[in-house]
Amino acid sequence: MKAARVNKMMELISGALVSLSKDSNSNNRDPRIFITVEQASSDPALMSAIFSQIDKSSLHEEYSGFFVAGVDYNRTTYIISGTHERWLDFFSIDISSTEKISSNRN
């Protein structure tokens, strides 16, 4: 009888510890923000991060579908999506001109 009680108490304790560990791990995850390519174009610093982390050659010319890419910026992961044409338009933007505009605002 004592063994059954000890087993039951151990089950309850281990269940509580598992639920606590899941809760504490969920707070340590990096936040994710889902945006489109058009929304990403409005932030010059994010655009610079995209240009440095995503290679234009990853856009296969023979496939004209929907592309999704992940970019890490400011301790946040941005999940950026858009059509093949929108991504090509994005990569045709001159990043140096947008950086000059944003530096003049400050």
PDB file of N, CA and C in Angstrom:
ATOM      1  N   MET A   1       0.814  -1.191   0.000  1.00  0.00           N
ATOM      2  CA  MET A   1       0.000   0.000   0.000  1.00  0.00           C
ATOM      3  C   MET A   1       0.860   1.257   0.000  1.00  0.00           C
ATOM      4  N   LYS A   2       1.952   1.245   0.763  1.00  0.00           N
ATOM      5  CA  LYS A   2       2.837   2.401   0.796  1.00  0.00           C
ATOM      6  C   LYS A   2       3.506   2.599  -0.559  1.00  0.00           C
ATOM      7  N   ALA A   3       3.838   1.517  -1.210  1.00  0.00           N
ATOM      8  CA  ALA A   3       4.485   1.607  -2.521  1.00  0.00           C
ATOM      9  C   ALA A   3       3.552   2.253  -3.538  1.00  0.00           C
ATOM     10  N   ALA A   4       2.279   1.936  -3.489  1.00  0.00           N
ATOM     11  CA  ALA A   4       1.310   2.527  -4.417  1.00  0.00           C
ATOM     12  C   ALA A   4       1.184   4.028  -4.171  1.00  0.00           C
ATOM     13  N   ARG A   5       1.177   4.438  -2.897  1.00  0.00           N
ATOM     14  CA  ARG A   5       1.098   5.865  -2.579  1.00  0.00           C
ATOM     15  C   ARG A   5       2.351   6.606  -3.058  1.00  0.00           C
ATOM     16  N   VAL A   6       3.493   6.005  -2.856  1.00  0.00           N
ATOM     17  CA  VAL A   6       4.746   6.629  -3.283  1.00  0.00           C
ATOM     18  C   VAL A   6       4.772   6.765  -4.806  1.00  0.00           C
ATOM     19  N   ASN A   7       4.316   5.721  -5.494  1.00  0.00           N
ATOM     20  CA  ASN A   7       4.250   5.782  -6.960  1.00  0.00           C
ATOM     21  C   ASN A   7       3.319   6.891  -7.425  1.00  0.00           C
ATOM     22  N   LYS A   8       2.169   6.991  -6.813  1.00  0.00           N
ATOM     23  CA  LYS A   8       1.197   8.016  -7.187  1.00  0.00           C
ATOM     24  C   LYS A   8       1.767   9.418  -6.944  1.00  0.00           C
ATOM     25  N   MET A   9       2.435   9.611  -5.820  1.00  0.00           N
ATOM     26  CA  MET A   9       3.036  10.911  -5.525  1.00  0.00           C
ATOM     27  C   MET A   9       4.138  11.241  -6.525  1.00  0.00           C
ATOM     28  N   MET A  10       4.928  10.249  -6.910  1.00  0.00           N
ATOM     29  CA  MET A  10       5.990  10.465  -7.886  1.00  0.00           C
ATOM     30  C   MET A  10       5.407  10.843  -9.249  1.00  0.00           C
ATOM     31  N   GLU A  11       4.298  10.218  -9.622  1.00  0.00           N
ATOM     32  CA  GLU A  11       3.636  10.555 -10.883  1.00  0.00           C
ATOM     33  C   GLU A  11       3.145  11.997 -10.873  1.00  0.00           C
ATOM     34  N   LEU A  12       2.546  12.404  -9.757  1.00  0.00           N
ATOM     35  CA  LEU A  12       2.051  13.775  -9.658  1.00  0.00           C
ATOM     36  C   LEU A  12       3.193  14.794  -9.707  1.00  0.00           C
ATOM     37  N   ILE A  13       4.257  14.499  -9.013  1.00  0.00           N
ATOM     38  CA  ILE A  13       5.401  15.413  -8.994  1.00  0.00           C
ATOM     39  C   ILE A  13       6.042  15.503 -10.375  1.00  0.00           C
ATOM     40  N   SER A  14       6.241  14.360 -11.009  1.00  0.00           N
ATOM     41  CA  SER A  14       6.877  14.386 -12.333  1.00  0.00           C
ATOM     42  C   SER A  14       5.977  15.073 -13.359  1.00  0.00           C
ATOM     43  N   GLY A  15       4.675  14.890 -13.264  1.00  0.00           N
ATOM     44  CA  GLY A  15       3.750  15.589 -14.161  1.00  0.00           C
ATOM     45  C   GLY A  15       3.816  17.089 -13.973  1.00  0.00           C
ATOM     46  N   ALA A  16       3.892  17.522 -12.722  1.00  0.00           N
ATOM     47  CA  ALA A  16       3.994  18.955 -12.449  1.00  0.00           C
ATOM     48  C   ALA A  16       5.304  19.522 -12.982  1.00  0.00           C
ATOM     49  N   LEU A  17       6.388  18.796 -12.838  1.00  0.00           N
ATOM     50  CA  LEU A  17       7.675  19.263 -13.336  1.00  0.00           C
ATOM     51  C   LEU A  17       7.693  19.354 -14.863  1.00  0.00           C
ATOM     52  N   VAL A  18       7.069  18.396 -15.516  1.00  0.00           N
ATOM     53  CA  VAL A  18       7.015  18.433 -16.981  1.00  0.00           C
ATOM     54  C   VAL A  18       6.219  19.639 -17.453  1.00  0.00           C
ATOM     55  N   SER A  19       5.096  19.909 -16.830  1.00  0.00           N
ATOM     56  CA  SER A  19       4.289  21.061 -17.254  1.00  0.00           C
ATOM     57  C   SER A  19       5.007  22.372 -16.977  1.00  0.00           C
ATOM     58  N   LEU A  20       5.754  22.459 -15.887  1.00  0.00           N
ATOM     59  CA  LEU A  20       6.518  23.669 -15.600  1.00  0.00           C
ATOM     60  C   LEU A  20       7.644  23.862 -16.601  1.00  0.00           C
ATOM     61  N   SER A  21       8.288  22.782 -16.988  1.00  0.00           N
ATOM     62  CA  SER A  21       9.393  22.911 -17.933  1.00  0.00           C
ATOM     63  C   SER A  21       8.884  23.354 -19.295  1.00  0.00           C
ATOM     64  N   LYS A  22       7.721  22.914 -19.713  1.00  0.00           N
ATOM     65  CA  LYS A  22       7.154  23.351 -20.991  1.00  0.00           C
ATOM     66  C   LYS A  22       6.822  24.834 -20.938  1.00  0.00           C
ATOM     67  N   ASP A  23       6.287  25.323 -19.837  1.00  0.00           N
ATOM     68  CA  ASP A  23       5.942  26.730 -19.710  1.00  0.00           C
ATOM     69  C   ASP A  23       7.182  27.607 -19.735  1.00  0.00           C
ATOM     70  N   SER A  24       8.246  27.194 -19.060  1.00  0.00           N
ATOM     71  CA  SER A  24       9.442  28.024 -19.012  1.00  0.00           C
ATOM     72  C   SER A  24      10.158  28.038 -20.353  1.00  0.00           C
ATOM     73  N   ASN A  25      10.093  26.966 -21.120  1.00  0.00           N
ATOM     74  CA  ASN A  25      10.735  26.940 -22.432  1.00  0.00           C
ATOM     75  C   ASN A  25       9.987  27.800 -23.439  1.00  0.00           C
ATOM     76  N   SER A  26       8.698  27.940 -23.305  1.00  0.00           N
ATOM     77  CA  SER A  26       7.933  28.728 -24.263  1.00  0.00           C
ATOM     78  C   SER A  26       8.278  30.205 -24.166  1.00  0.00           C
ATOM     79  N   ASN A  27       8.736  30.679 -23.020  1.00  0.00           N
ATOM     80  CA  ASN A  27       9.104  32.082 -22.866  1.00  0.00           C
ATOM     81  C   ASN A  27      10.464  32.392 -23.461  1.00  0.00           C
ATOM     82  N   ASN A  28      11.294  31.392 -23.687  1.00  0.00           N
ATOM     83  CA  ASN A  28      12.635  31.612 -24.186  1.00  0.00           C
ATOM     84  C   ASN A  28      12.711  31.603 -25.708  1.00  0.00           C
ATOM     85  N   ARG A  29      11.631  31.343 -26.380  1.00  0.00           N
ATOM     86  CA  ARG A  29      11.643  31.304 -27.833  1.00  0.00           C
ATOM     87  C   ARG A  29      11.762  32.703 -28.414  1.00  0.00           C
ATOM     88  N   ASP A  30      12.436  32.781 -29.561  1.00  0.00           N
ATOM     89  CA  ASP A  30      12.504  34.050 -30.257  1.00  0.00           C
ATOM     90  C   ASP A  30      11.135  34.384 -30.823  1.00  0.00           C
ATOM     91  N   PRO A  31      10.738  35.639 -30.716  1.00  0.00           N
ATOM     92  CA  PRO A  31       9.458  36.009 -31.305  1.00  0.00           C
ATOM     93  C   PRO A  31       9.544  35.946 -32.826  1.00  0.00           C
ATOM     94  N   ARG A  32       8.445  35.622 -33.442  1.00  0.00           N
ATOM     95  CA  ARG A  32       8.365  35.563 -34.895  1.00  0.00           C
ATOM     96  C   ARG A  32       7.300  36.526 -35.374  1.00  0.00           C
ATOM     97  N   ILE A  33       7.626  37.229 -36.434  1.00  0.00           N
ATOM     98  CA  ILE A  33       6.691  38.166 -37.029  1.00  0.00           C
ATOM     99  C   ILE A  33       6.516  37.769 -38.485  1.00  0.00           C
ATOM    100  N   PHE A  34       5.277  37.630 -38.911  1.00  0.00           N
ATOM    101  CA  PHE A  34       4.962  37.255 -40.281  1.00  0.00           C
ATOM    102  C   PHE A  34       4.578  38.508 -41.047  1.00  0.00           C
ATOM    103  N   ILE A  35       5.349  38.822 -42.107  1.00  0.00           N
ATOM    104  CA  ILE A  35       5.075  40.008 -42.916  1.00  0.00           C
ATOM    105  C   ILE A  35       5.247  39.662 -44.391  1.00  0.00           C
ATOM    106  N   THR A  36       4.815  40.587 -45.248  1.00  0.00           N
ATOM    107  CA  THR A  36       4.983  40.408 -46.686  1.00  0.00           C
ATOM    108  C   THR A  36       6.225  41.175 -47.142  1.00  0.00           C
ATOM    109  N   VAL A  37       6.625  40.931 -48.367  1.00  0.00           N
ATOM    110  CA  VAL A  37       7.781  41.631 -48.925  1.00  0.00           C
ATOM    111  C   VAL A  37       7.514  43.133 -48.984  1.00  0.00           C
ATOM    112  N   GLU A  38       6.291  43.507 -49.310  1.00  0.00           N
ATOM    113  CA  GLU A  38       5.949  44.925 -49.383  1.00  0.00           C
ATOM    114  C   GLU A  38       6.103  45.597 -48.018  1.00  0.00           C
ATOM    115  N   GLN A  39       5.692  44.929 -46.967  1.00  0.00           N
ATOM    116  CA  GLN A  39       5.825  45.497 -45.629  1.00  0.00           C
ATOM    117  C   GLN A  39       7.295  45.590 -45.235  1.00  0.00           C
ATOM    118  N   ALA A  40       8.093  44.627 -45.640  1.00  0.00           N
ATOM    119  CA  ALA A  40       9.524  44.647 -45.319  1.00  0.00           C
ATOM    120  C   ALA A  40      10.231  45.798 -46.030  1.00  0.00           C
ATOM    121  N   SER A  41       9.736  46.184 -47.194  1.00  0.00           N
ATOM    122  CA  SER A  41      10.369  47.273 -47.955  1.00  0.00           C
ATOM    123  C   SER A  41      10.240  48.619 -47.272  1.00  0.00           C
ATOM    124  N   SER A  42       9.358  48.743 -46.319  1.00  0.00           N
ATOM    125  CA  SER A  42       9.174  50.034 -45.654  1.00  0.00           C
ATOM    126  C   SER A  42      10.203  50.285 -44.560  1.00  0.00           C
ATOM    127  N   ASP A  43      10.985  49.291 -44.177  1.00  0.00           N
ATOM    128  CA  ASP A  43      11.999  49.448 -43.138  1.00  0.00           C
ATOM    129  C   ASP A  43      13.391  49.250 -43.747  1.00  0.00           C
ATOM    130  N   PRO A  44      14.170  50.327 -43.930  1.00  0.00           N
ATOM    131  CA  PRO A  44      15.476  50.205 -44.568  1.00  0.00           C
ATOM    132  C   PRO A  44      16.449  49.282 -43.823  1.00  0.00           C
ATOM    133  N   ALA A  45      16.399  49.268 -42.501  1.00  0.00           N
ATOM    134  CA  ALA A  45      17.299  48.394 -41.749  1.00  0.00           C
ATOM    135  C   ALA A  45      16.938  46.924 -41.944  1.00  0.00           C
ATOM    136  N   LEU A  46      15.654  46.629 -41.986  1.00  0.00           N
ATOM    137  CA  LEU A  46      15.209  45.261 -42.255  1.00  0.00           C
ATOM    138  C   LEU A  46      15.569  44.869 -43.684  1.00  0.00           C
ATOM    139  N   MET A  47      15.444  45.807 -44.614  1.00  0.00           N
ATOM    140  CA  MET A  47      15.833  45.534 -46.001  1.00  0.00           C
ATOM    141  C   MET A  47      17.308  45.163 -46.078  1.00  0.00           C
ATOM    142  N   SER A  48      18.124  45.882 -45.348  1.00  0.00           N
ATOM    143  CA  SER A  48      19.557  45.583 -45.332  1.00  0.00           C
ATOM    144  C   SER A  48      19.814  44.184 -44.776  1.00  0.00           C
ATOM    145  N   ALA A  49      19.075  43.812 -43.728  1.00  0.00           N
ATOM    146  CA  ALA A  49      19.219  42.465 -43.163  1.00  0.00           C
ATOM    147  C   ALA A  49      18.797  41.399 -44.171  1.00  0.00           C
ATOM    148  N   ILE A  50      17.747  41.679 -44.923  1.00  0.00           N
ATOM    149  CA  ILE A  50      17.285  40.728 -45.939  1.00  0.00           C
ATOM    150  C   ILE A  50      18.346  40.563 -47.020  1.00  0.00           C
ATOM    151  N   PHE A  51      18.905  41.684 -47.493  1.00  0.00           N
ATOM    152  CA  PHE A  51      19.927  41.621 -48.530  1.00  0.00           C
ATOM    153  C   PHE A  51      21.161  40.860 -48.055  1.00  0.00           C
ATOM    154  N   SER A  52      21.494  40.975 -46.765  1.00  0.00           N
ATOM    155  CA  SER A  52      22.687  40.284 -46.277  1.00  0.00           C
ATOM    156  C   SER A  52      22.438  38.810 -45.965  1.00  0.00           C
ATOM    157  N   GLN A  53      21.196  38.414 -45.692  1.00  0.00           N
ATOM    158  CA  GLN A  53      20.928  37.040 -45.279  1.00  0.00           C
ATOM    159  C   GLN A  53      20.297  36.169 -46.355  1.00  0.00           C
ATOM    160  N   ILE A  54      19.706  36.780 -47.372  1.00  0.00           N
ATOM    161  CA  ILE A  54      19.048  35.998 -48.420  1.00  0.00           C
ATOM    162  C   ILE A  54      19.763  36.255 -49.738  1.00  0.00           C
ATOM    163  N   ASP A  55      20.084  35.190 -50.413  1.00  0.00           N
ATOM    164  CA  ASP A  55      20.758  35.291 -51.701  1.00  0.00           C
ATOM    165  C   ASP A  55      19.712  35.298 -52.811  1.00  0.00           C
ATOM    166  N   LYS A  56      19.842  36.245 -53.733  1.00  0.00           N
ATOM    167  CA  LYS A  56      18.877  36.352 -54.828  1.00  0.00           C
ATOM    168  C   LYS A  56      18.866  35.087 -55.678  1.00  0.00           C
ATOM    169  N   SER A  57      19.984  34.386 -55.727  1.00  0.00           N
ATOM    170  CA  SER A  57      20.038  33.169 -56.547  1.00  0.00           C
ATOM    171  C   SER A  57      19.139  32.062 -55.998  1.00  0.00           C
ATOM    172  N   SER A  58      18.655  32.229 -54.769  1.00  0.00           N
ATOM    173  CA  SER A  58      17.738  31.231 -54.218  1.00  0.00           C
ATOM    174  C   SER A  58      16.358  31.309 -54.873  1.00  0.00           C
ATOM    175  N   LEU A  59      16.090  32.400 -55.573  1.00  0.00           N
ATOM    176  CA  LEU A  59      14.841  32.519 -56.333  1.00  0.00           C
ATOM    177  C   LEU A  59      15.053  31.834 -57.676  1.00  0.00           C
ATOM    178  N   HIS A  60      14.520  30.659 -57.807  1.00  0.00           N
ATOM    179  CA  HIS A  60      14.693  29.904 -59.040  1.00  0.00           C
ATOM    180  C   HIS A  60      13.844  30.519 -60.140  1.00  0.00           C
ATOM    181  N   GLU A  61      14.482  30.819 -61.241  1.00  0.00           N
ATOM    182  CA  GLU A  61      13.785  31.479 -62.353  1.00  0.00           C
ATOM    183  C   GLU A  61      12.696  30.599 -62.962  1.00  0.00           C
ATOM    184  N   GLU A  62      12.898  29.280 -62.925  1.00  0.00           N
ATOM    185  CA  GLU A  62      11.917  28.408 -63.564  1.00  0.00           C
ATOM    186  C   GLU A  62      10.663  28.215 -62.718  1.00  0.00           C
ATOM    187  N   TYR A  63      10.730  28.584 -61.454  1.00  0.00           N
ATOM    188  CA  TYR A  63       9.567  28.428 -60.578  1.00  0.00           C
ATOM    189  C   TYR A  63       9.034  29.802 -60.224  1.00  0.00           C
ATOM    190  N   SER A  64       7.813  30.077 -60.565  1.00  0.00           N
ATOM    191  CA  SER A  64       7.256  31.411 -60.304  1.00  0.00           C
ATOM    192  C   SER A  64       6.122  31.323 -59.289  1.00  0.00           C
ATOM    193  N   GLY A  65       6.377  30.676 -58.192  1.00  0.00           N
ATOM    194  CA  GLY A  65       5.351  30.493 -57.179  1.00  0.00           C
ATOM    195  C   GLY A  65       5.476  31.472 -56.036  1.00  0.00           C
ATOM    196  N   PHE A  66       5.233  30.991 -54.858  1.00  0.00           N
ATOM    197  CA  PHE A  66       5.203  31.777 -53.638  1.00  0.00           C
ATOM    198  C   PHE A  66       6.439  31.434 -52.818  1.00  0.00           C
ATOM    199  N   PHE A  67       7.192  32.414 -52.377  1.00  0.00           N
ATOM    200  CA  PHE A  67       8.412  32.185 -51.622  1.00  0.00           C
ATOM    201  C   PHE A  67       8.270  32.717 -50.199  1.00  0.00           C
ATOM    202  N   VAL A  68       8.849  31.983 -49.259  1.00  0.00           N
ATOM    203  CA  VAL A  68       8.866  32.379 -47.857  1.00  0.00           C
ATOM    204  C   VAL A  68      10.307  32.268 -47.371  1.00  0.00           C
ATOM    205  N   ALA A  69      10.767  33.308 -46.667  1.00  0.00           N
ATOM    206  CA  ALA A  69      12.134  33.320 -46.163  1.00  0.00           C
ATOM    207  C   ALA A  69      12.138  33.816 -44.729  1.00  0.00           C
ATOM    208  N   GLY A  70      13.078  33.316 -43.946  1.00  0.00           N
ATOM    209  CA  GLY A  70      13.238  33.757 -42.567  1.00  0.00           C
ATOM    210  C   GLY A  70      14.471  34.631 -42.430  1.00  0.00           C
ATOM    211  N   VAL A  71      14.318  35.772 -41.737  1.00  0.00           N
ATOM    212  CA  VAL A  71      15.420  36.707 -41.538  1.00  0.00           C
ATOM    213  C   VAL A  71      15.482  37.060 -40.060  1.00  0.00           C
ATOM    214  N   ASP A  72      16.673  36.982 -39.478  1.00  0.00           N
ATOM    215  CA  ASP A  72      16.867  37.373 -38.087  1.00  0.00           C
ATOM    216  C   ASP A  72      17.289  38.835 -38.038  1.00  0.00           C
ATOM    217  N   TYR A  73      16.536  39.632 -37.292  1.00  0.00           N
ATOM    218  CA  TYR A  73      16.803  41.060 -37.181  1.00  0.00           C
ATOM    219  C   TYR A  73      16.285  41.553 -35.836  1.00  0.00           C
ATOM    220  N   ASN A  74      17.141  42.221 -35.067  1.00  0.00           N
ATOM    221  CA  ASN A  74      16.777  42.759 -33.745  1.00  0.00           C
ATOM    222  C   ASN A  74      16.207  41.693 -32.812  1.00  0.00           C
ATOM    223  N   ARG A  75      16.865  40.564 -32.722  1.00  0.00           N
ATOM    224  CA  ARG A  75      16.454  39.449 -31.847  1.00  0.00           C
ATOM    225  C   ARG A  75      15.063  38.923 -32.176  1.00  0.00           C
ATOM    226  N   THR A  76      14.629  39.146 -33.391  1.00  0.00           N
ATOM    227  CA  THR A  76      13.323  38.692 -33.852  1.00  0.00           C
ATOM    228  C   THR A  76      13.509  37.997 -35.183  1.00  0.00           C
ATOM    229  N   THR A  77      12.758  36.934 -35.385  1.00  0.00           N
ATOM    230  CA  THR A  77      12.777  36.252 -36.667  1.00  0.00           C
ATOM    231  C   THR A  77      11.591  36.740 -37.482  1.00  0.00           C
ATOM    232  N   TYR A  78      11.894  37.327 -38.622  1.00  0.00           N
ATOM    233  CA  TYR A  78      10.855  37.796 -39.535  1.00  0.00           C
ATOM    234  C   TYR A  78      10.635  36.730 -40.593  1.00  0.00           C
ATOM    235  N   ILE A  79       9.413  36.265 -40.716  1.00  0.00           N
ATOM    236  CA  ILE A  79       9.032  35.320 -41.758  1.00  0.00           C
ATOM    237  C   ILE A  79       8.406  36.157 -42.862  1.00  0.00           C
ATOM    238  N   ILE A  80       9.123  36.274 -43.977  1.00  0.00           N
ATOM    239  CA  ILE A  80       8.723  37.184 -45.043  1.00  0.00           C
ATOM    240  C   ILE A  80       8.232  36.365 -46.231  1.00  0.00           C
ATOM    241  N   SER A  81       7.064  36.709 -46.736  1.00  0.00           N
ATOM    242  CA  SER A  81       6.468  35.945 -47.826  1.00  0.00           C
ATOM    243  C   SER A  81       6.091  36.870 -48.971  1.00  0.00           C
ATOM    244  N   GLY A  82       6.044  36.282 -50.156  1.00  0.00           N
ATOM    245  CA  GLY A  82       5.638  37.039 -51.328  1.00  0.00           C
ATOM    246  C   GLY A  82       5.751  36.200 -52.578  1.00  0.00           C
ATOM    247  N   THR A  83       5.193  36.705 -53.640  1.00  0.00           N
ATOM    248  CA  THR A  83       5.261  35.992 -54.912  1.00  0.00           C
ATOM    249  C   THR A  83       6.647  36.160 -55.523  1.00  0.00           C
ATOM    250  N   HIS A  84       6.910  35.357 -56.502  1.00  0.00           N
ATOM    251  CA  HIS A  84       8.198  35.395 -57.189  1.00  0.00           C
ATOM    252  C   HIS A  84       8.461  36.790 -57.765  1.00  0.00           C
ATOM    253  N   GLU A  85       7.451  37.387 -58.373  1.00  0.00           N
ATOM    254  CA  GLU A  85       7.595  38.714 -58.970  1.00  0.00           C
ATOM    255  C   GLU A  85       7.894  39.771 -57.912  1.00  0.00           C
ATOM    256  N   ARG A  86       7.216  39.687 -56.764  1.00  0.00           N
ATOM    257  CA  ARG A  86       7.447  40.659 -55.687  1.00  0.00           C
ATOM    258  C   ARG A  86       8.872  40.556 -55.141  1.00  0.00           C
ATOM    259  N   TRP A  87       9.368  39.327 -55.006  1.00  0.00           N
ATOM    260  CA  TRP A  87      10.739  39.146 -54.538  1.00  0.00           C
ATOM    261  C   TRP A  87      11.729  39.708 -55.552  1.00  0.00           C
ATOM    262  N   LEU A  88      11.497  39.480 -56.850  1.00  0.00           N
ATOM    263  CA  LEU A  88      12.387  40.032 -57.866  1.00  0.00           C
ATOM    264  C   LEU A  88      12.354  41.558 -57.841  1.00  0.00           C
ATOM    265  N   ASP A  89      11.168  42.139 -57.648  1.00  0.00           N
ATOM    266  CA  ASP A  89      11.052  43.594 -57.520  1.00  0.00           C
ATOM    267  C   ASP A  89      11.831  44.079 -56.298  1.00  0.00           C
ATOM    268  N   PHE A  90      11.733  43.342 -55.212  1.00  0.00           N
ATOM    269  CA  PHE A  90      12.433  43.719 -53.986  1.00  0.00           C
ATOM    270  C   PHE A  90      13.940  43.727 -54.209  1.00  0.00           C
ATOM    271  N   PHE A  91      14.468  42.689 -54.852  1.00  0.00           N
ATOM    272  CA  PHE A  91      15.908  42.609 -55.059  1.00  0.00           C
ATOM    273  C   PHE A  91      16.405  43.589 -56.119  1.00  0.00           C
ATOM    274  N   SER A  92      15.497  44.204 -56.868  1.00  0.00           N
ATOM    275  CA  SER A  92      15.912  45.216 -57.841  1.00  0.00           C
ATOM    276  C   SER A  92      16.027  46.603 -57.203  1.00  0.00           C
ATOM    277  N   ILE A  93      15.617  46.755 -55.945  1.00  0.00           N
ATOM    278  CA  ILE A  93      15.705  48.035 -55.238  1.00  0.00           C
ATOM    279  C   ILE A  93      17.163  48.333 -54.936  1.00  0.00           C
ATOM    280  N   ASP A  94      17.563  49.590 -55.105  1.00  0.00           N
ATOM    281  CA  ASP A  94      18.922  50.011 -54.786  1.00  0.00           C
ATOM    282  C   ASP A  94      18.994  50.290 -53.283  1.00  0.00           C
ATOM    283  N   ILE A  95      19.626  49.384 -52.550  1.00  0.00           N
ATOM    284  CA  ILE A  95      19.670  49.483 -51.083  1.00  0.00           C
ATOM    285  C   ILE A  95      20.476  50.689 -50.620  1.00  0.00           C
ATOM    286  N   SER A  96      21.477  51.112 -51.374  1.00  0.00           N
ATOM    287  CA  SER A  96      22.307  52.239 -50.943  1.00  0.00           C
ATOM    288  C   SER A  96      21.504  53.543 -50.908  1.00  0.00           C
ATOM    289  N   SER A  97      20.554  53.707 -51.823  1.00  0.00           N
ATOM    290  CA  SER A  97      19.748  54.937 -51.802  1.00  0.00           C
ATOM    291  C   SER A  97      18.787  54.951 -50.623  1.00  0.00           C
ATOM    292  N   THR A  98      18.258  53.799 -50.238  1.00  0.00           N
ATOM    293  CA  THR A  98      17.341  53.773 -49.100  1.00  0.00           C
ATOM    294  C   THR A  98      18.093  53.982 -47.792  1.00  0.00           C
ATOM    295  N   GLU A  99      19.351  53.532 -47.702  1.00  0.00           N
ATOM    296  CA  GLU A  99      20.125  53.749 -46.480  1.00  0.00           C
ATOM    297  C   GLU A  99      20.456  55.227 -46.308  1.00  0.00           C
ATOM    298  N   LYS A 100      20.721  55.927 -47.419  1.00  0.00           N
ATOM    299  CA  LYS A 100      20.998  57.368 -47.334  1.00  0.00           C
ATOM    300  C   LYS A 100      19.770  58.123 -46.863  1.00  0.00           C
ATOM    301  N   ILE A 101      18.617  57.734 -47.353  1.00  0.00           N
ATOM    302  CA  ILE A 101      17.369  58.404 -46.950  1.00  0.00           C
ATOM    303  C   ILE A 101      17.118  58.198 -45.463  1.00  0.00           C
ATOM    304  N   SER A 102      17.310  56.981 -44.960  1.00  0.00           N
ATOM    305  CA  SER A 102      17.035  56.712 -43.553  1.00  0.00           C
ATOM    306  C   SER A 102      18.058  57.398 -42.653  1.00  0.00           C
ATOM    307  N   SER A 103      19.309  57.546 -43.092  1.00  0.00           N
ATOM    308  CA  SER A 103      20.303  58.210 -42.249  1.00  0.00           C
ATOM    309  C   SER A 103      20.061  59.715 -42.201  1.00  0.00           C
ATOM    310  N   ASN A 104      19.443  60.293 -43.228  1.00  0.00           N
ATOM    311  CA  ASN A 104      19.144  61.722 -43.226  1.00  0.00           C
ATOM    312  C   ASN A 104      17.978  62.045 -42.302  1.00  0.00           C
ATOM    313  N   ARG A 105      17.118  61.083 -42.038  1.00  0.00           N
ATOM    314  CA  ARG A 105      15.972  61.313 -41.159  1.00  0.00           C
ATOM    315  C   ARG A 105      16.392  61.481 -39.711  1.00  0.00           C
ATOM    316  N   ASN A 106      17.481  60.831 -39.317  1.00  0.00           N
ATOM    317  CA  ASN A 106      17.933  60.904 -37.922  1.00  0.00           C
ATOM    318  C   ASN A 106      18.678  62.128 -37.696  1.00  0.00           C
TER     319      ASN A 106
END
